[in-house]
Amino acid sequence: MNRVRLVVLGHYEDINSGFRASVEHWEPGITKFLIRDGENIPWSIDGWAVIDGSLPFSYSRNVNLGWAVTGTADVILCGDDIRFDSPFVDALQRAAYSDPTVGVSTVQLNGQSPFVVGYFKRSVLDKVGKMDERFTGYGHDDGDWCKRMELLGYHTLPTEEVKARHGGGSTFYRRQRETGGPTIQESCDEMKKIFDEKWGEK
């Protein structure tokens, strides 16, 4: 099996520290990268490679950075509002390699995006390419990448073997409350326009 690295984006130390504790409990041996935006999270964290992401925050740019710094390894990409309740690396890897048409394996979260927690095979990342950085706000950047993946003949495979809970966009909603910028819905509507223009959808 391929080497695998874990990548998480983070802004708030209280949210991110809970994620890190969950990972350290279940998978202490995995190589871990934290892409932080801002200075709320410490620069030095034992066992983690901490890298400054883009400012102002852009999810797509920071994910692309995470994919780049992991070299040729496969990547488990997580939101930091995930809390694991079981080991996850081997199970996600087995699911990802269970069939050559699997592009991303994910925890069974009842239809939520594999970008919440997904095992991305490097071979698929290389073929699909980076996230489209025209998506600078909330939403549709993941849908765009998945659509490009599916057009190449790959699909997402959830596995019931991994147990995890999702906090539901905690960082995005909290950031919006604190900055007073566009609401999540307003941002999502703007990103939908970009998606529709790109794919000729109405």
N, C-alpha and C. Protein backbone atom coordinates (compact mmCIF):
# COMPACT_ATOMS: atom_id res chain seq x y z
N MET A 1 0.84 -1.20 0.00
CA MET A 1 0.00 0.00 0.00
C MET A 1 0.87 1.25 0.00
N ASN A 2 0.32 2.34 -0.49
CA ASN A 2 1.05 3.59 -0.54
C ASN A 2 1.21 4.21 0.84
N ARG A 3 2.23 5.06 0.95
CA ARG A 3 2.35 5.87 2.16
C ARG A 3 1.16 6.82 2.23
N VAL A 4 0.78 7.19 3.44
CA VAL A 4 -0.35 8.10 3.60
C VAL A 4 0.02 9.16 4.63
N ARG A 5 -0.41 10.38 4.38
CA ARG A 5 -0.22 11.51 5.28
C ARG A 5 -1.58 12.09 5.63
N LEU A 6 -1.69 12.63 6.82
CA LEU A 6 -2.93 13.28 7.24
C LEU A 6 -2.77 14.79 7.13
N VAL A 7 -3.79 15.44 6.57
CA VAL A 7 -3.80 16.90 6.44
C VAL A 7 -5.09 17.44 7.04
N VAL A 8 -4.95 18.45 7.89
CA VAL A 8 -6.11 19.12 8.45
C VAL A 8 -5.89 20.63 8.35
N LEU A 9 -6.97 21.36 8.06
CA LEU A 9 -6.92 22.81 8.08
C LEU A 9 -7.44 23.28 9.43
N GLY A 10 -6.91 24.40 9.93
CA GLY A 10 -7.38 24.86 11.21
C GLY A 10 -7.24 26.36 11.40
N HIS A 11 -8.15 26.91 12.20
CA HIS A 11 -8.12 28.32 12.55
C HIS A 11 -8.25 28.54 14.06
N TYR A 12 -9.11 27.74 14.71
CA TYR A 12 -9.38 27.93 16.13
C TYR A 12 -8.71 26.82 16.94
N GLU A 13 -7.92 27.20 17.93
CA GLU A 13 -7.18 26.22 18.71
C GLU A 13 -8.11 25.29 19.48
N ASP A 14 -9.22 25.80 20.03
CA ASP A 14 -10.09 24.93 20.81
C ASP A 14 -10.72 23.84 19.95
N ILE A 15 -11.10 24.16 18.73
CA ILE A 15 -11.66 23.16 17.81
C ILE A 15 -10.55 22.22 17.34
N ASN A 16 -9.43 22.80 16.93
CA ASN A 16 -8.36 21.99 16.36
C ASN A 16 -7.71 21.07 17.39
N SER A 17 -7.59 21.54 18.63
CA SER A 17 -6.96 20.70 19.65
C SER A 17 -7.80 19.46 19.92
N GLY A 18 -9.12 19.58 19.83
CA GLY A 18 -9.98 18.41 19.99
C GLY A 18 -9.78 17.40 18.87
N PHE A 19 -9.62 17.92 17.66
CA PHE A 19 -9.34 17.04 16.53
C PHE A 19 -8.00 16.34 16.72
N ARG A 20 -6.99 17.10 17.10
CA ARG A 20 -5.65 16.51 17.27
C ARG A 20 -5.66 15.43 18.35
N ALA A 21 -6.38 15.67 19.43
CA ALA A 21 -6.46 14.67 20.50
C ALA A 21 -7.11 13.39 19.99
N SER A 22 -8.13 13.53 19.16
CA SER A 22 -8.81 12.37 18.58
C SER A 22 -7.84 11.57 17.71
N VAL A 23 -7.09 12.27 16.87
CA VAL A 23 -6.11 11.60 15.99
C VAL A 23 -5.02 10.93 16.81
N GLU A 24 -4.49 11.65 17.80
CA GLU A 24 -3.41 11.09 18.61
C GLU A 24 -3.87 9.86 19.38
N HIS A 25 -5.12 9.82 19.75
CA HIS A 25 -5.65 8.66 20.47
C HIS A 25 -5.71 7.43 19.58
N TRP A 26 -6.22 7.60 18.36
CA TRP A 26 -6.48 6.46 17.50
C TRP A 26 -5.35 6.16 16.52
N GLU A 27 -4.63 7.17 16.07
CA GLU A 27 -3.61 6.97 15.03
C GLU A 27 -2.35 7.79 15.32
N PRO A 28 -1.69 7.53 16.44
CA PRO A 28 -0.53 8.36 16.80
C PRO A 28 0.64 8.25 15.84
N GLY A 29 0.72 7.17 15.07
CA GLY A 29 1.89 6.96 14.22
C GLY A 29 1.84 7.62 12.86
N ILE A 30 0.68 8.15 12.44
CA ILE A 30 0.59 8.73 11.11
C ILE A 30 1.32 10.08 11.06
N THR A 31 1.94 10.39 9.92
CA THR A 31 2.57 11.69 9.71
C THR A 31 1.48 12.73 9.49
N LYS A 32 1.56 13.82 10.25
CA LYS A 32 0.43 14.75 10.33
C LYS A 32 0.86 16.18 9.95
N PHE A 33 0.05 16.81 9.11
CA PHE A 33 0.26 18.18 8.67
C PHE A 33 -0.94 19.03 9.06
N LEU A 34 -0.67 20.15 9.69
CA LEU A 34 -1.70 21.12 10.03
C LEU A 34 -1.46 22.39 9.23
N ILE A 35 -2.42 22.75 8.38
CA ILE A 35 -2.37 24.00 7.62
C ILE A 35 -3.19 25.01 8.41
N ARG A 36 -2.51 25.94 9.06
CA ARG A 36 -3.23 26.89 9.91
C ARG A 36 -3.38 28.23 9.18
N ASP A 37 -4.47 28.92 9.47
CA ASP A 37 -4.60 30.29 8.98
C ASP A 37 -4.79 31.19 10.20
N GLY A 38 -3.94 32.19 10.28
CA GLY A 38 -3.95 33.06 11.45
C GLY A 38 -3.06 32.49 12.54
N GLU A 39 -3.08 33.15 13.69
CA GLU A 39 -2.17 32.79 14.77
C GLU A 39 -2.88 32.25 16.00
N ASN A 40 -4.14 31.84 15.85
CA ASN A 40 -4.86 31.27 16.99
C ASN A 40 -4.28 29.93 17.41
N ILE A 41 -3.73 29.20 16.45
CA ILE A 41 -3.15 27.89 16.72
C ILE A 41 -1.65 28.05 16.86
N PRO A 42 -1.02 27.42 17.86
CA PRO A 42 0.43 27.57 18.05
C PRO A 42 1.21 27.13 16.82
N TRP A 43 2.38 27.76 16.66
CA TRP A 43 3.24 27.42 15.54
C TRP A 43 3.91 26.07 15.75
N SER A 44 4.21 25.72 16.99
CA SER A 44 4.91 24.48 17.29
C SER A 44 3.99 23.55 18.08
N ILE A 45 3.73 22.37 17.51
CA ILE A 45 2.89 21.35 18.15
C ILE A 45 3.62 20.02 18.01
N ASP A 46 3.90 19.38 19.11
CA ASP A 46 4.63 18.11 19.09
C ASP A 46 3.94 17.10 18.18
N GLY A 47 4.71 16.53 17.28
CA GLY A 47 4.20 15.48 16.41
C GLY A 47 3.49 15.96 15.16
N TRP A 48 3.38 17.27 14.99
CA TRP A 48 2.67 17.83 13.84
C TRP A 48 3.59 18.77 13.07
N ALA A 49 3.54 18.70 11.76
CA ALA A 49 4.17 19.71 10.91
C ALA A 49 3.16 20.83 10.71
N VAL A 50 3.46 22.01 11.23
CA VAL A 50 2.53 23.14 11.16
C VAL A 50 3.00 24.08 10.06
N ILE A 51 2.09 24.38 9.13
CA ILE A 51 2.40 25.19 7.96
C ILE A 51 1.40 26.33 7.87
N ASP A 52 1.90 27.53 7.62
CA ASP A 52 1.00 28.67 7.46
C ASP A 52 0.30 28.60 6.12
N GLY A 53 -1.02 28.69 6.16
CA GLY A 53 -1.81 28.71 4.95
C GLY A 53 -2.01 30.12 4.44
N SER A 54 -2.87 30.23 3.43
CA SER A 54 -3.09 31.52 2.79
C SER A 54 -3.97 32.42 3.65
N LEU A 55 -3.69 33.69 3.57
CA LEU A 55 -4.52 34.72 4.18
C LEU A 55 -4.79 35.79 3.13
N PRO A 56 -6.03 36.27 2.98
CA PRO A 56 -7.20 35.80 3.72
C PRO A 56 -7.49 34.34 3.41
N PHE A 57 -8.19 33.69 4.32
CA PHE A 57 -8.45 32.26 4.23
C PHE A 57 -9.13 31.90 2.92
N SER A 58 -8.61 30.86 2.30
CA SER A 58 -9.25 30.26 1.13
C SER A 58 -9.14 28.75 1.29
N TYR A 59 -10.27 28.10 1.42
CA TYR A 59 -10.26 26.65 1.62
C TYR A 59 -9.54 25.95 0.47
N SER A 60 -9.88 26.31 -0.76
CA SER A 60 -9.29 25.61 -1.90
C SER A 60 -7.77 25.80 -1.96
N ARG A 61 -7.30 27.01 -1.70
CA ARG A 61 -5.85 27.25 -1.72
C ARG A 61 -5.15 26.47 -0.62
N ASN A 62 -5.74 26.42 0.56
CA ASN A 62 -5.10 25.72 1.67
C ASN A 62 -5.14 24.20 1.49
N VAL A 63 -6.19 23.68 0.90
CA VAL A 63 -6.21 22.25 0.58
C VAL A 63 -5.13 21.94 -0.45
N ASN A 64 -5.02 22.78 -1.46
CA ASN A 64 -3.97 22.57 -2.47
C ASN A 64 -2.58 22.58 -1.84
N LEU A 65 -2.37 23.47 -0.88
CA LEU A 65 -1.09 23.50 -0.18
C LEU A 65 -0.87 22.20 0.58
N GLY A 66 -1.91 21.71 1.26
CA GLY A 66 -1.80 20.46 1.99
C GLY A 66 -1.47 19.30 1.07
N TRP A 67 -2.12 19.25 -0.10
CA TRP A 67 -1.82 18.18 -1.05
C TRP A 67 -0.39 18.30 -1.56
N ALA A 68 0.10 19.52 -1.72
CA ALA A 68 1.45 19.72 -2.25
C ALA A 68 2.53 19.31 -1.26
N VAL A 69 2.37 19.68 0.02
CA VAL A 69 3.44 19.43 1.00
C VAL A 69 3.56 17.95 1.36
N THR A 70 2.57 17.15 0.97
CA THR A 70 2.63 15.72 1.28
C THR A 70 3.35 14.93 0.19
N GLY A 71 3.88 15.62 -0.80
CA GLY A 71 4.73 14.97 -1.81
C GLY A 71 3.98 13.97 -2.66
N THR A 72 4.46 12.74 -2.67
CA THR A 72 3.86 11.70 -3.51
C THR A 72 2.97 10.75 -2.71
N ALA A 73 2.72 11.06 -1.45
CA ALA A 73 1.93 10.17 -0.60
C ALA A 73 0.43 10.35 -0.87
N ASP A 74 -0.33 9.33 -0.51
CA ASP A 74 -1.78 9.47 -0.43
C ASP A 74 -2.09 10.43 0.73
N VAL A 75 -3.30 11.00 0.73
CA VAL A 75 -3.66 11.99 1.74
C VAL A 75 -5.01 11.67 2.36
N ILE A 76 -5.05 11.67 3.68
CA ILE A 76 -6.33 11.71 4.39
C ILE A 76 -6.56 13.17 4.76
N LEU A 77 -7.54 13.78 4.12
CA LEU A 77 -7.88 15.18 4.35
C LEU A 77 -9.08 15.25 5.29
N CYS A 78 -8.96 16.06 6.34
CA CYS A 78 -10.04 16.14 7.34
C CYS A 78 -10.38 17.60 7.66
N GLY A 79 -11.63 17.83 7.97
CA GLY A 79 -12.01 19.04 8.67
C GLY A 79 -11.73 18.84 10.14
N ASP A 80 -11.40 19.91 10.85
CA ASP A 80 -11.04 19.71 12.26
C ASP A 80 -12.24 19.65 13.19
N ASP A 81 -13.45 19.64 12.62
CA ASP A 81 -14.62 19.40 13.45
C ASP A 81 -15.05 17.93 13.38
N ILE A 82 -14.16 17.07 12.89
CA ILE A 82 -14.36 15.62 12.93
C ILE A 82 -13.78 15.09 14.24
N ARG A 83 -14.48 14.15 14.86
CA ARG A 83 -13.95 13.44 16.01
C ARG A 83 -14.08 11.95 15.73
N PHE A 84 -12.95 11.25 15.71
CA PHE A 84 -12.94 9.82 15.43
C PHE A 84 -13.29 9.02 16.67
N ASP A 85 -13.98 7.92 16.46
CA ASP A 85 -14.34 7.00 17.53
C ASP A 85 -13.79 5.61 17.28
N SER A 86 -12.88 5.50 16.33
CA SER A 86 -12.25 4.21 16.02
C SER A 86 -11.00 4.48 15.21
N PRO A 87 -10.11 3.49 15.08
CA PRO A 87 -8.99 3.64 14.15
C PRO A 87 -9.53 3.88 12.74
N PHE A 88 -8.79 4.63 11.92
CA PHE A 88 -9.35 4.99 10.63
C PHE A 88 -8.41 4.84 9.45
N VAL A 89 -7.11 4.84 9.65
CA VAL A 89 -6.19 4.86 8.51
C VAL A 89 -6.31 3.58 7.68
N ASP A 90 -6.14 2.42 8.30
CA ASP A 90 -6.16 1.17 7.54
C ASP A 90 -7.51 0.93 6.88
N ALA A 91 -8.59 1.24 7.58
CA ALA A 91 -9.92 1.00 7.02
C ALA A 91 -10.18 1.89 5.81
N LEU A 92 -9.80 3.17 5.90
CA LEU A 92 -9.98 4.06 4.76
C LEU A 92 -9.09 3.65 3.59
N GLN A 93 -7.88 3.21 3.91
CA GLN A 93 -6.98 2.78 2.84
C GLN A 93 -7.50 1.52 2.15
N ARG A 94 -7.98 0.55 2.93
CA ARG A 94 -8.55 -0.66 2.33
C ARG A 94 -9.71 -0.32 1.41
N ALA A 95 -10.58 0.57 1.86
CA ALA A 95 -11.72 0.95 1.03
C ALA A 95 -11.26 1.65 -0.24
N ALA A 96 -10.27 2.54 -0.12
CA ALA A 96 -9.78 3.28 -1.28
C ALA A 96 -9.19 2.36 -2.34
N TYR A 97 -8.53 1.28 -1.89
CA TYR A 97 -7.87 0.37 -2.83
C TYR A 97 -8.68 -0.89 -3.10
N SER A 98 -9.94 -0.91 -2.66
CA SER A 98 -10.78 -2.09 -2.88
C SER A 98 -11.18 -2.26 -4.33
N ASP A 99 -11.09 -1.18 -5.10
CA ASP A 99 -11.46 -1.21 -6.51
C ASP A 99 -10.72 -0.06 -7.20
N PRO A 100 -10.19 -0.29 -8.41
CA PRO A 100 -9.45 0.78 -9.08
C PRO A 100 -10.30 1.98 -9.46
N THR A 101 -11.63 1.84 -9.45
CA THR A 101 -12.48 2.99 -9.80
C THR A 101 -12.82 3.86 -8.58
N VAL A 102 -12.36 3.46 -7.39
CA VAL A 102 -12.57 4.30 -6.21
C VAL A 102 -11.56 5.45 -6.27
N GLY A 103 -12.09 6.67 -6.27
CA GLY A 103 -11.21 7.84 -6.26
C GLY A 103 -10.93 8.33 -4.86
N VAL A 104 -11.96 8.31 -4.01
CA VAL A 104 -11.85 8.76 -2.62
C VAL A 104 -12.68 7.82 -1.77
N SER A 105 -12.12 7.37 -0.66
CA SER A 105 -12.94 6.67 0.33
C SER A 105 -13.21 7.64 1.47
N THR A 106 -14.32 7.40 2.15
CA THR A 106 -14.73 8.33 3.19
C THR A 106 -15.48 7.61 4.30
N VAL A 107 -15.59 8.27 5.42
CA VAL A 107 -16.42 7.78 6.51
C VAL A 107 -17.88 7.88 6.08
N GLN A 108 -18.69 6.95 6.52
CA GLN A 108 -20.12 7.00 6.20
C GLN A 108 -20.78 8.11 7.01
N LEU A 109 -21.02 9.23 6.35
CA LEU A 109 -21.66 10.38 6.98
C LEU A 109 -22.93 10.76 6.24
N ASN A 110 -23.56 9.75 5.65
CA ASN A 110 -24.88 9.91 5.03
C ASN A 110 -24.92 11.00 3.97
N GLY A 111 -24.01 10.88 3.02
CA GLY A 111 -24.04 11.76 1.86
C GLY A 111 -23.27 13.05 1.98
N GLN A 112 -22.61 13.28 3.12
CA GLN A 112 -21.81 14.50 3.24
C GLN A 112 -20.56 14.39 2.35
N SER A 113 -19.98 15.53 2.08
CA SER A 113 -18.83 15.61 1.18
C SER A 113 -17.67 14.76 1.68
N PRO A 114 -16.95 14.09 0.77
CA PRO A 114 -15.74 13.38 1.19
C PRO A 114 -14.64 14.32 1.65
N PHE A 115 -14.82 15.62 1.44
CA PHE A 115 -13.83 16.58 1.94
C PHE A 115 -13.97 16.80 3.45
N VAL A 116 -15.04 16.29 4.06
CA VAL A 116 -15.15 16.32 5.52
C VAL A 116 -14.08 15.41 6.12
N VAL A 117 -13.99 14.20 5.58
CA VAL A 117 -12.89 13.29 5.87
C VAL A 117 -12.81 12.32 4.69
N GLY A 118 -11.70 12.37 3.97
CA GLY A 118 -11.56 11.52 2.80
C GLY A 118 -10.16 11.02 2.62
N TYR A 119 -10.06 9.81 2.10
CA TYR A 119 -8.77 9.23 1.74
C TYR A 119 -8.60 9.42 0.24
N PHE A 120 -7.66 10.29 -0.15
CA PHE A 120 -7.42 10.64 -1.54
C PHE A 120 -6.18 9.91 -2.04
N LYS A 121 -6.36 9.03 -3.00
CA LYS A 121 -5.22 8.33 -3.59
C LYS A 121 -4.39 9.32 -4.41
N ARG A 122 -3.09 9.24 -4.27
CA ARG A 122 -2.22 10.18 -4.99
C ARG A 122 -2.38 10.05 -6.49
N SER A 123 -2.57 8.84 -6.96
CA SER A 123 -2.74 8.66 -8.41
C SER A 123 -3.96 9.41 -8.91
N VAL A 124 -5.00 9.45 -8.09
CA VAL A 124 -6.22 10.18 -8.48
C VAL A 124 -6.01 11.68 -8.36
N LEU A 125 -5.34 12.12 -7.29
CA LEU A 125 -5.02 13.55 -7.16
C LEU A 125 -4.23 14.03 -8.37
N ASP A 126 -3.28 13.23 -8.81
CA ASP A 126 -2.46 13.64 -9.95
C ASP A 126 -3.29 13.75 -11.23
N LYS A 127 -4.27 12.89 -11.38
CA LYS A 127 -5.09 12.92 -12.60
C LYS A 127 -6.14 14.02 -12.56
N VAL A 128 -6.77 14.21 -11.41
CA VAL A 128 -7.84 15.21 -11.31
C VAL A 128 -7.26 16.62 -11.22
N GLY A 129 -6.16 16.76 -10.49
CA GLY A 129 -5.52 18.06 -10.34
C GLY A 129 -5.99 18.79 -9.09
N LYS A 130 -5.52 20.00 -8.95
CA LYS A 130 -5.79 20.81 -7.77
C LYS A 130 -7.26 21.22 -7.69
N MET A 131 -7.64 21.70 -6.51
CA MET A 131 -8.93 22.36 -6.39
C MET A 131 -8.89 23.66 -7.17
N ASP A 132 -10.02 24.06 -7.71
CA ASP A 132 -10.12 25.29 -8.49
C ASP A 132 -10.15 26.48 -7.52
N GLU A 133 -9.11 27.29 -7.55
CA GLU A 133 -8.97 28.39 -6.59
C GLU A 133 -9.83 29.60 -6.93
N ARG A 134 -10.64 29.50 -7.97
CA ARG A 134 -11.65 30.54 -8.19
C ARG A 134 -12.73 30.46 -7.11
N PHE A 135 -12.87 29.31 -6.49
CA PHE A 135 -13.81 29.16 -5.39
C PHE A 135 -13.13 29.66 -4.12
N THR A 136 -13.44 30.88 -3.76
CA THR A 136 -12.77 31.52 -2.62
C THR A 136 -13.65 31.55 -1.38
N GLY A 137 -14.91 31.17 -1.51
CA GLY A 137 -15.84 31.21 -0.38
C GLY A 137 -16.28 29.83 0.03
N TYR A 138 -17.44 29.78 0.64
CA TYR A 138 -17.97 28.54 1.19
C TYR A 138 -18.80 27.80 0.15
N GLY A 139 -18.45 26.55 -0.12
CA GLY A 139 -19.30 25.71 -0.93
C GLY A 139 -18.90 25.56 -2.38
N HIS A 140 -19.24 24.40 -2.94
CA HIS A 140 -19.14 24.06 -4.36
C HIS A 140 -17.72 23.81 -4.84
N ASP A 141 -16.69 24.17 -4.07
CA ASP A 141 -15.32 23.83 -4.45
C ASP A 141 -15.13 22.32 -4.40
N ASP A 142 -15.72 21.68 -3.39
CA ASP A 142 -15.63 20.22 -3.28
C ASP A 142 -16.44 19.54 -4.38
N GLY A 143 -17.63 20.09 -4.66
CA GLY A 143 -18.45 19.53 -5.73
C GLY A 143 -17.78 19.63 -7.08
N ASP A 144 -17.08 20.72 -7.32
CA ASP A 144 -16.35 20.88 -8.58
C ASP A 144 -15.27 19.81 -8.71
N TRP A 145 -14.49 19.61 -7.65
CA TRP A 145 -13.41 18.62 -7.71
C TRP A 145 -13.99 17.22 -7.90
N CYS A 146 -15.06 16.90 -7.17
CA CYS A 146 -15.66 15.58 -7.29
C CYS A 146 -16.25 15.35 -8.69
N LYS A 147 -16.82 16.40 -9.26
CA LYS A 147 -17.37 16.25 -10.62
C LYS A 147 -16.25 15.96 -11.60
N ARG A 148 -15.13 16.65 -11.47
CA ARG A 148 -13.98 16.38 -12.34
C ARG A 148 -13.47 14.95 -12.14
N MET A 149 -13.46 14.49 -10.90
CA MET A 149 -13.05 13.12 -10.62
C MET A 149 -14.00 12.11 -11.28
N GLU A 150 -15.29 12.36 -11.13
CA GLU A 150 -16.27 11.43 -11.68
C GLU A 150 -16.23 11.38 -13.21
N LEU A 151 -15.92 12.50 -13.84
CA LEU A 151 -15.80 12.52 -15.29
C LEU A 151 -14.64 11.67 -15.79
N LEU A 152 -13.69 11.39 -14.90
CA LEU A 152 -12.57 10.51 -15.24
C LEU A 152 -12.88 9.05 -14.92
N GLY A 153 -14.08 8.79 -14.43
CA GLY A 153 -14.49 7.41 -14.19
C GLY A 153 -14.32 6.91 -12.77
N TYR A 154 -14.03 7.80 -11.83
CA TYR A 154 -13.87 7.42 -10.43
C TYR A 154 -15.13 7.74 -9.63
N HIS A 155 -15.24 7.14 -8.45
CA HIS A 155 -16.36 7.44 -7.57
C HIS A 155 -15.89 7.47 -6.13
N THR A 156 -16.76 7.96 -5.25
CA THR A 156 -16.50 8.01 -3.81
C THR A 156 -17.11 6.78 -3.16
N LEU A 157 -16.35 6.17 -2.24
CA LEU A 157 -16.82 4.98 -1.55
C LEU A 157 -16.83 5.20 -0.04
N PRO A 158 -18.01 5.29 0.59
CA PRO A 158 -18.07 5.36 2.05
C PRO A 158 -17.81 3.98 2.66
N THR A 159 -17.25 3.98 3.86
CA THR A 159 -17.08 2.75 4.60
C THR A 159 -17.72 2.88 5.98
N GLU A 160 -18.42 1.83 6.37
CA GLU A 160 -19.06 1.80 7.69
C GLU A 160 -18.06 1.42 8.78
N GLU A 161 -16.87 0.98 8.37
CA GLU A 161 -15.90 0.46 9.34
C GLU A 161 -15.35 1.55 10.26
N VAL A 162 -15.23 2.76 9.74
CA VAL A 162 -14.70 3.86 10.54
C VAL A 162 -15.84 4.58 11.24
N LYS A 163 -15.68 4.83 12.52
CA LYS A 163 -16.69 5.55 13.28
C LYS A 163 -16.19 6.96 13.58
N ALA A 164 -17.01 7.95 13.24
CA ALA A 164 -16.62 9.34 13.46
C ALA A 164 -17.86 10.21 13.54
N ARG A 165 -17.70 11.35 14.18
CA ARG A 165 -18.77 12.34 14.30
C ARG A 165 -18.31 13.64 13.64
N HIS A 166 -19.26 14.35 13.04
CA HIS A 166 -18.95 15.60 12.35
C HIS A 166 -19.67 16.75 13.03
N GLY A 167 -18.89 17.80 13.38
CA GLY A 167 -19.46 18.95 14.06
C GLY A 167 -20.26 19.88 13.17
N GLY A 168 -20.20 19.70 11.87
CA GLY A 168 -21.08 20.43 10.97
C GLY A 168 -20.66 21.85 10.65
N GLY A 169 -19.44 22.04 10.15
CA GLY A 169 -19.00 23.36 9.70
C GLY A 169 -18.75 24.35 10.82
N SER A 170 -18.33 23.88 11.97
CA SER A 170 -18.16 24.74 13.15
C SER A 170 -17.28 25.94 12.87
N THR A 171 -16.15 25.72 12.20
CA THR A 171 -15.21 26.81 11.96
C THR A 171 -15.79 27.83 11.00
N PHE A 172 -16.40 27.37 9.91
CA PHE A 172 -16.98 28.30 8.93
C PHE A 172 -18.02 29.20 9.59
N TYR A 173 -18.93 28.63 10.36
CA TYR A 173 -20.00 29.43 10.97
C TYR A 173 -19.44 30.38 12.03
N ARG A 174 -18.49 29.91 12.80
CA ARG A 174 -17.91 30.77 13.83
C ARG A 174 -17.14 31.93 13.21
N ARG A 175 -16.39 31.64 12.16
CA ARG A 175 -15.64 32.70 11.48
C ARG A 175 -16.58 33.77 10.94
N GLN A 176 -17.70 33.32 10.36
CA GLN A 176 -18.65 34.28 9.80
C GLN A 176 -19.24 35.16 10.90
N ARG A 177 -19.56 34.57 12.05
CA ARG A 177 -20.12 35.36 13.16
C ARG A 177 -19.12 36.40 13.64
N GLU A 178 -17.84 36.02 13.69
CA GLU A 178 -16.83 36.92 14.24
C GLU A 178 -16.42 38.01 13.26
N THR A 179 -16.40 37.71 11.97
CA THR A 179 -15.94 38.70 10.99
C THR A 179 -17.07 39.60 10.50
N GLY A 180 -18.31 39.13 10.61
CA GLY A 180 -19.43 39.93 10.13
C GLY A 180 -19.47 40.03 8.62
N GLY A 181 -18.77 39.14 7.93
CA GLY A 181 -18.77 39.14 6.48
C GLY A 181 -20.03 38.52 5.92
N PRO A 182 -19.97 38.09 4.66
CA PRO A 182 -21.14 37.45 4.05
C PRO A 182 -21.56 36.23 4.86
N THR A 183 -22.85 35.97 4.90
CA THR A 183 -23.33 34.77 5.59
C THR A 183 -22.88 33.54 4.81
N ILE A 184 -22.96 32.39 5.45
CA ILE A 184 -22.63 31.14 4.78
C ILE A 184 -23.50 30.97 3.54
N GLN A 185 -24.79 31.29 3.66
CA GLN A 185 -25.69 31.13 2.51
C GLN A 185 -25.32 32.09 1.39
N GLU A 186 -24.99 33.34 1.73
CA GLU A 186 -24.60 34.31 0.70
C GLU A 186 -23.34 33.85 -0.03
N SER A 187 -22.36 33.36 0.75
CA SER A 187 -21.13 32.86 0.14
C SER A 187 -21.41 31.66 -0.74
N CYS A 188 -22.23 30.75 -0.25
CA CYS A 188 -22.57 29.56 -1.02
C CYS A 188 -23.26 29.93 -2.33
N ASP A 189 -24.12 30.93 -2.29
CA ASP A 189 -24.82 31.37 -3.50
C ASP A 189 -23.83 31.94 -4.52
N GLU A 190 -22.83 32.70 -4.04
CA GLU A 190 -21.81 33.25 -4.94
C GLU A 190 -20.97 32.14 -5.55
N MET A 191 -20.61 31.15 -4.76
CA MET A 191 -19.81 30.04 -5.28
C MET A 191 -20.62 29.20 -6.26
N LYS A 192 -21.92 29.11 -6.04
CA LYS A 192 -22.79 28.38 -6.97
C LYS A 192 -22.78 29.03 -8.34
N LYS A 193 -22.72 30.36 -8.39
CA LYS A 193 -22.65 31.06 -9.68
C LYS A 193 -21.39 30.67 -10.43
N ILE A 194 -20.28 30.58 -9.71
CA ILE A 194 -19.02 30.18 -10.35
C ILE A 194 -19.13 28.75 -10.86
N PHE A 195 -19.70 27.88 -10.05
CA PHE A 195 -19.88 26.48 -10.44
C PHE A 195 -20.74 26.39 -11.70
N ASP A 196 -21.86 27.11 -11.71
CA ASP A 196 -22.78 27.02 -12.83
C ASP A 196 -22.17 27.60 -14.10
N GLU A 197 -21.42 28.70 -13.97
CA GLU A 197 -20.76 29.27 -15.14
C GLU A 197 -19.72 28.31 -15.70
N LYS A 198 -19.01 27.64 -14.81
CA LYS A 198 -17.96 26.71 -15.25
C LYS A 198 -18.55 25.50 -15.97
N TRP A 199 -19.66 24.98 -15.42
CA TRP A 199 -20.19 23.73 -15.94
C TRP A 199 -21.41 23.92 -16.83
N GLY A 200 -21.80 25.17 -17.09
CA GLY A 200 -22.93 25.44 -17.98
C GLY A 200 -24.25 24.99 -17.43
N GLU A 201 -24.37 25.05 -16.08
CA GLU A 201 -25.60 24.63 -15.44
C GLU A 201 -26.42 25.83 -15.02
N LYS A 202 -27.72 25.60 -14.83
CA LYS A 202 -28.62 26.69 -14.46
C LYS A 202 -29.34 26.33 -13.19
